[in-house]
N, C-alpha and C. Protein backbone atom coordinates (compact mmCIF):
# COMPACT_ATOMS: atom_id res chain seq x y z
N GLN A 1 13.81 16.79 0.13
CA GLN A 1 13.63 15.32 0.85
C GLN A 1 13.08 14.65 1.77
N VAL A 2 13.49 13.26 1.55
CA VAL A 2 12.28 12.51 2.33
C VAL A 2 12.89 12.19 3.56
N HIS A 3 12.49 12.23 4.59
CA HIS A 3 12.80 11.61 6.07
C HIS A 3 12.02 10.85 6.38
N LEU A 4 12.17 9.54 7.36
CA LEU A 4 11.74 8.46 8.00
C LEU A 4 12.00 8.78 9.30
N VAL A 5 11.81 9.02 10.16
CA VAL A 5 12.37 9.20 11.66
C VAL A 5 11.20 8.20 12.72
N GLU A 6 12.42 7.34 13.10
CA GLU A 6 11.92 6.20 13.87
C GLU A 6 12.28 6.70 15.64
N SER A 7 11.43 6.47 16.90
CA SER A 7 11.35 6.55 17.98
C SER A 7 10.64 5.52 19.00
N GLY A 8 11.39 5.96 20.46
CA GLY A 8 10.32 4.75 20.91
C GLY A 8 11.67 3.85 21.61
N GLY A 9 12.15 3.23 20.57
CA GLY A 9 13.43 2.37 21.50
C GLY A 9 13.90 2.61 22.48
N GLY A 10 13.94 1.84 23.27
CA GLY A 10 14.95 1.72 24.62
C GLY A 10 15.00 0.08 25.13
N LEU A 11 14.92 0.62 26.28
CA LEU A 11 15.32 -1.28 27.11
C LEU A 11 14.05 -1.04 27.95
N VAL A 12 13.73 -2.52 27.68
CA VAL A 12 12.79 -2.58 28.82
C VAL A 12 12.70 -4.60 29.01
N GLN A 13 12.08 -4.62 30.10
CA GLN A 13 12.27 -5.95 30.94
C GLN A 13 11.41 -7.02 30.08
N PRO A 14 11.47 -8.05 30.00
CA PRO A 14 10.17 -9.21 29.65
C PRO A 14 8.94 -9.52 29.81
N GLY A 15 8.47 -9.40 29.01
CA GLY A 15 6.48 -9.07 29.40
C GLY A 15 6.63 -7.11 29.48
N GLY A 16 7.27 -6.19 29.24
CA GLY A 16 7.10 -5.18 29.51
C GLY A 16 6.10 -5.04 27.25
N SER A 17 6.09 -3.60 27.49
CA SER A 17 5.57 -2.75 26.52
C SER A 17 6.53 -1.65 25.56
N LEU A 18 6.81 -1.43 24.60
CA LEU A 18 7.11 -0.35 23.69
C LEU A 18 6.26 -0.10 22.48
N ARG A 19 6.30 1.53 22.73
CA ARG A 19 5.76 2.09 21.49
C ARG A 19 6.62 2.82 20.62
N LEU A 20 6.40 2.54 19.51
CA LEU A 20 7.73 2.87 18.27
C LEU A 20 6.86 3.94 17.46
N SER A 21 7.48 4.84 17.15
CA SER A 21 6.58 5.72 16.12
C SER A 21 7.94 6.02 15.32
N CYS A 22 7.27 6.42 14.12
CA CYS A 22 7.86 6.68 13.08
C CYS A 22 7.35 8.00 11.61
N THR A 23 7.84 9.01 12.20
CA THR A 23 7.24 10.18 11.07
C THR A 23 7.63 10.67 10.01
N ALA A 24 7.06 10.76 8.94
CA ALA A 24 7.90 10.98 7.58
C ALA A 24 7.41 12.63 7.82
N SER A 25 8.39 13.15 6.84
CA SER A 25 8.47 14.15 6.18
C SER A 25 9.59 14.42 4.64
N ALA A 26 8.67 15.50 4.37
CA ALA A 26 9.26 16.25 3.18
C ALA A 26 9.28 17.48 2.64
N GLY A 27 9.97 17.55 1.43
CA GLY A 27 9.92 19.48 1.12
C GLY A 27 8.69 19.41 0.39
N SER A 28 8.30 18.48 0.37
CA SER A 28 7.25 18.51 -0.99
C SER A 28 5.93 17.57 -0.35
N LEU A 29 4.04 18.31 -0.41
CA LEU A 29 2.90 17.06 0.10
C LEU A 29 3.07 16.11 -0.09
N PHE A 30 2.45 15.37 0.63
CA PHE A 30 2.64 13.76 -0.09
C PHE A 30 1.68 12.97 1.02
N SER A 31 1.49 11.98 0.70
CA SER A 31 0.89 11.31 1.41
C SER A 31 1.52 9.76 1.03
N MET A 32 1.15 8.96 2.27
CA MET A 32 1.60 7.64 2.37
C MET A 32 0.90 6.96 2.24
N ASN A 33 0.78 5.77 1.06
CA ASN A 33 0.43 4.90 0.66
C ASN A 33 0.43 3.76 1.77
N SER A 34 1.18 3.21 2.10
CA SER A 34 0.96 1.87 3.25
C SER A 34 2.52 2.22 4.08
N TRP A 35 2.38 1.74 5.20
CA TRP A 35 3.67 1.85 6.51
C TRP A 35 4.22 0.34 6.07
N ALA A 36 5.52 -0.14 6.67
CA ALA A 36 5.48 -1.04 7.23
C ALA A 36 6.86 -1.09 8.56
N TRP A 37 7.20 -2.05 9.26
CA TRP A 37 8.15 -2.61 10.27
C TRP A 37 9.02 -3.44 9.61
N TYR A 38 10.08 -3.62 9.91
CA TYR A 38 10.34 -4.70 10.34
C TYR A 38 11.95 -5.08 11.43
N ARG A 39 12.63 -5.13 11.29
CA ARG A 39 13.26 -5.96 12.07
C ARG A 39 14.53 -6.37 12.01
N GLN A 40 15.70 -5.71 12.52
CA GLN A 40 16.79 -7.17 12.42
C GLN A 40 17.80 -7.38 13.68
N ALA A 41 17.91 -8.31 13.97
CA ALA A 41 18.61 -8.55 15.57
C ALA A 41 19.60 -9.09 14.88
N PRO A 42 20.82 -9.03 16.32
CA PRO A 42 22.06 -8.82 15.78
C PRO A 42 22.04 -10.71 14.95
N GLY A 43 23.00 -10.32 14.59
CA GLY A 43 23.63 -11.35 13.27
C GLY A 43 22.30 -12.35 12.67
N LYS A 44 21.55 -11.88 12.70
CA LYS A 44 20.46 -12.04 11.95
C LYS A 44 20.25 -11.04 10.64
N GLU A 45 19.34 -11.94 9.66
CA GLU A 45 18.55 -11.24 8.71
C GLU A 45 17.46 -9.40 9.11
N ARG A 46 16.86 -8.96 7.85
CA ARG A 46 16.56 -8.21 8.27
C ARG A 46 14.90 -9.65 8.20
N GLU A 47 13.76 -8.64 8.99
CA GLU A 47 12.89 -9.47 8.88
C GLU A 47 11.54 -8.68 8.93
N TRP A 48 10.68 -8.75 8.14
CA TRP A 48 9.34 -7.72 8.14
C TRP A 48 8.14 -8.51 9.58
N VAL A 49 7.54 -7.28 9.66
CA VAL A 49 7.05 -7.29 11.16
C VAL A 49 5.76 -7.12 10.99
N ALA A 50 5.23 -6.17 10.05
CA ALA A 50 3.93 -5.32 10.09
C ALA A 50 3.75 -4.74 9.06
N ARG A 51 2.57 -4.46 8.68
CA ARG A 51 2.30 -3.03 7.35
C ARG A 51 0.92 -2.91 7.73
N ILE A 52 0.96 -1.52 7.40
CA ILE A 52 -0.60 -0.57 7.30
C ILE A 52 -0.28 -0.28 5.92
N THR A 53 -1.95 -0.25 5.06
CA THR A 53 -2.20 0.39 4.44
C THR A 53 -3.01 1.43 5.14
N ALA A 54 -2.75 2.24 3.55
CA ALA A 54 -3.61 4.02 3.93
C ALA A 54 -5.22 3.67 4.29
N GLY A 55 -5.54 2.68 3.86
CA GLY A 55 -7.13 2.49 4.06
C GLY A 55 -7.08 1.54 5.34
N GLY A 56 -6.20 1.43 6.00
CA GLY A 56 -6.04 0.96 7.73
C GLY A 56 -5.80 -1.00 7.70
N ILE A 57 -5.74 -1.54 6.52
CA ILE A 57 -5.52 -2.92 6.34
C ILE A 57 -4.12 -3.25 7.04
N THR A 58 -4.39 -4.15 7.94
CA THR A 58 -3.27 -4.24 8.54
C THR A 58 -2.55 -5.87 8.61
N ASP A 59 -1.61 -6.08 8.43
CA ASP A 59 -0.79 -7.56 7.91
C ASP A 59 -0.13 -7.82 9.15
N TYR A 60 0.62 -9.05 9.40
CA TYR A 60 1.72 -9.01 10.80
C TYR A 60 2.47 -10.62 10.16
N ALA A 61 3.76 -10.19 10.59
CA ALA A 61 4.37 -12.05 10.92
C ALA A 61 3.75 -12.75 12.08
N ALA A 62 3.93 -13.58 11.93
CA ALA A 62 3.06 -15.07 12.17
C ALA A 62 3.92 -14.99 13.78
N GLN A 63 4.15 -14.65 14.50
CA GLN A 63 5.08 -14.36 15.55
C GLN A 63 4.72 -13.26 16.51
N MET A 64 4.49 -12.53 15.92
CA MET A 64 3.76 -11.11 16.45
C MET A 64 2.44 -10.40 16.66
N LYS A 65 1.61 -11.52 15.25
CA LYS A 65 0.32 -11.38 15.26
C LYS A 65 0.12 -11.09 16.51
N ASP A 66 -0.67 -11.82 17.71
CA ASP A 66 -1.10 -11.32 18.87
C ASP A 66 -0.07 -10.89 19.94
N ARG A 67 0.76 -9.95 19.57
CA ARG A 67 1.09 -9.25 20.63
C ARG A 67 1.74 -7.82 20.50
N PHE A 68 2.06 -7.91 18.43
CA PHE A 68 2.29 -6.54 18.02
C PHE A 68 1.09 -5.99 17.41
N THR A 69 0.79 -4.51 17.81
CA THR A 69 -0.12 -4.06 16.76
C THR A 69 -0.20 -2.18 16.25
N VAL A 70 -0.35 -2.37 14.48
CA VAL A 70 0.38 -1.57 13.30
C VAL A 70 -0.60 -0.29 13.35
N SER A 71 -0.25 0.70 13.54
CA SER A 71 -1.47 1.64 13.74
C SER A 71 -0.62 2.92 12.60
N SER A 72 -1.55 3.98 12.20
CA SER A 72 -0.59 5.05 11.50
C SER A 72 -2.42 6.81 11.52
N ASP A 73 -1.60 7.81 11.52
CA ASP A 73 -2.48 8.69 11.45
C ASP A 73 -2.58 10.19 10.82
N ASP A 74 -3.22 10.64 11.01
CA ASP A 74 -2.73 11.79 9.64
C ASP A 74 -2.10 12.77 9.55
N SER A 75 -0.91 12.26 10.88
CA SER A 75 0.17 13.14 11.30
C SER A 75 1.08 13.23 10.22
N ASN A 76 0.90 11.74 9.17
CA ASN A 76 1.77 11.18 8.36
C ASN A 76 3.19 10.67 9.74
N THR A 77 2.37 9.85 10.62
CA THR A 77 3.34 8.74 11.70
C THR A 77 2.56 7.32 11.79
N ALA A 78 3.08 6.97 11.68
CA ALA A 78 2.92 5.74 12.23
C ALA A 78 3.75 4.82 13.59
N TYR A 79 2.33 4.00 13.76
CA TYR A 79 3.24 3.42 15.59
C TYR A 79 3.33 2.16 15.20
N LEU A 80 3.85 1.39 16.09
CA LEU A 80 4.34 -0.26 16.42
C LEU A 80 4.11 -0.26 18.16
N GLN A 81 2.39 -1.04 18.63
CA GLN A 81 2.62 -1.24 19.86
C GLN A 81 3.24 -2.62 19.72
N MET A 82 4.35 -2.86 20.92
CA MET A 82 4.76 -3.92 21.02
C MET A 82 4.19 -4.24 22.62
N ASP A 83 3.86 -5.07 23.25
CA ASP A 83 3.14 -5.95 24.38
C ASP A 83 4.08 -7.35 24.55
N ASP A 84 4.12 -7.68 26.13
CA ASP A 84 4.65 -8.75 26.03
C ASP A 84 5.84 -8.96 25.37
N LEU A 85 6.86 -8.28 25.74
CA LEU A 85 8.15 -8.17 24.83
C LEU A 85 8.51 -9.58 25.48
N LYS A 86 9.30 -9.93 24.78
CA LYS A 86 10.12 -11.27 24.53
C LYS A 86 11.97 -10.72 24.79
N PRO A 87 13.00 -11.10 25.43
CA PRO A 87 14.27 -11.52 24.97
C PRO A 87 14.87 -11.56 23.48
N GLU A 88 14.13 -12.46 22.70
CA GLU A 88 14.10 -12.23 21.41
C GLU A 88 13.53 -11.49 20.51
N ASP A 89 12.47 -10.70 20.73
CA ASP A 89 12.13 -9.69 20.47
C ASP A 89 13.50 -8.50 20.22
N THR A 90 14.69 -8.90 20.84
CA THR A 90 15.14 -7.65 20.44
C THR A 90 16.32 -7.15 19.33
N ALA A 91 16.33 -5.88 18.73
CA ALA A 91 16.52 -5.89 17.00
C ALA A 91 16.80 -4.81 17.38
N VAL A 92 16.88 -3.90 15.98
CA VAL A 92 16.96 -3.02 15.31
C VAL A 92 15.70 -2.82 14.82
N TYR A 93 14.67 -2.00 15.16
CA TYR A 93 13.17 -1.81 14.13
C TYR A 93 13.69 -1.30 13.34
N TYR A 94 13.06 -1.39 12.09
CA TYR A 94 13.29 0.01 10.62
C TYR A 94 11.25 0.34 10.59
N CYS A 95 11.29 1.42 9.87
CA CYS A 95 10.11 1.93 9.50
C CYS A 95 10.33 1.79 8.18
N SER A 96 9.32 1.82 7.06
CA SER A 96 9.64 1.68 6.03
C SER A 96 8.31 2.44 5.19
N GLY A 97 8.34 3.29 4.51
CA GLY A 97 6.85 4.26 3.77
C GLY A 97 7.05 4.11 2.09
N ASN A 98 5.83 3.73 2.21
CA ASN A 98 5.57 3.54 0.49
C ASN A 98 5.05 5.51 0.30
N LEU A 99 6.05 6.17 -0.36
CA LEU A 99 5.22 7.80 0.16
C LEU A 99 5.47 8.44 -1.60
N ARG A 100 4.39 8.95 -1.38
CA ARG A 100 3.33 9.97 -3.10
C ARG A 100 3.52 11.05 -3.15
N PHE A 101 4.00 12.06 -3.59
CA PHE A 101 4.34 13.77 -3.73
C PHE A 101 3.01 13.25 -4.60
N VAL A 102 2.28 14.44 -3.88
CA VAL A 102 0.61 14.97 -5.14
C VAL A 102 1.07 14.82 -6.21
N THR A 103 2.55 15.58 -6.63
CA THR A 103 2.45 15.77 -7.78
C THR A 103 2.88 14.79 -8.71
N GLY A 104 2.99 13.36 -7.75
CA GLY A 104 3.25 12.06 -8.82
C GLY A 104 2.11 11.26 -8.83
N ARG A 105 2.74 10.14 -9.74
CA ARG A 105 1.31 9.36 -9.78
C ARG A 105 1.64 8.22 -9.08
N TYR A 106 3.02 7.37 -8.93
CA TYR A 106 3.52 6.90 -8.58
C TYR A 106 3.88 6.23 -6.78
N GLY A 107 4.12 5.74 -5.65
CA GLY A 107 4.60 6.34 -4.79
C GLY A 107 6.09 5.03 -4.82
N LYS A 108 6.97 5.56 -3.78
CA LYS A 108 8.35 5.26 -3.52
C LYS A 108 8.90 4.84 -2.38
N ASP A 109 8.94 3.64 -2.40
CA ASP A 109 10.01 3.06 -0.78
C ASP A 109 10.62 4.29 -0.02
N TYR A 110 10.54 4.63 1.17
CA TYR A 110 12.18 5.08 1.91
C TYR A 110 12.28 4.17 3.54
N TRP A 111 13.24 4.09 4.20
CA TRP A 111 13.27 3.56 5.13
C TRP A 111 14.09 5.06 6.00
N GLY A 112 13.25 4.20 7.68
CA GLY A 112 14.26 5.01 8.48
C GLY A 112 15.74 4.78 9.04
N ARG A 113 16.57 5.04 9.85
CA ARG A 113 17.68 4.49 10.46
C ARG A 113 17.44 3.84 11.60
N GLY A 114 16.34 3.26 11.89
CA GLY A 114 16.83 2.33 12.87
C GLY A 114 16.17 2.95 14.79
N THR A 115 15.65 2.16 15.38
CA THR A 115 15.32 2.39 16.71
C THR A 115 15.84 1.03 17.29
N LEU A 116 16.36 1.38 18.37
CA LEU A 116 17.22 -0.19 18.81
C LEU A 116 16.22 -0.40 20.62
N VAL A 117 15.10 -1.63 19.76
CA VAL A 117 14.55 -2.51 21.11
C VAL A 117 15.30 -3.31 22.01
N THR A 118 15.85 -3.27 23.20
CA THR A 118 16.19 -4.99 24.32
C THR A 118 15.46 -4.76 24.71
N VAL A 119 15.58 -6.35 24.83
CA VAL A 119 14.42 -6.46 26.07
C VAL A 119 15.09 -7.50 26.97
N SER A 120 15.71 -7.19 28.16
CA SER A 120 16.47 -7.56 28.82
C SER A 120 16.31 -7.45 30.56
N SER A 121 16.20 -8.55 31.29
CA SER A 121 15.70 -8.52 32.33
C SER A 121 17.17 -7.46 33.41
């Protein structure tokens, strides 16, 4: 079974920072082709935030580009560093990973359950 587990959410004041983590685990050897972060604010649709490939290529939604940084490491963990947070960044943040088992040819997308970020004074 594949599990993606986010952590690092919480309450932060406007202008503050948080770093979210997402760790993938599975019952067999695997590698991550890419990671992505999404968020869903109350009453709104889920929106894409950022992504990073296994080769380290990153891409961001326009409104997050200057404040958010996505990264990953060899421990099958992705991170989302969020700086200068604003109340409108309040949302449940989800990570998605494209995971390929070493015995397989193609990857498949998996999702975590999300972590709540609340930006409020």
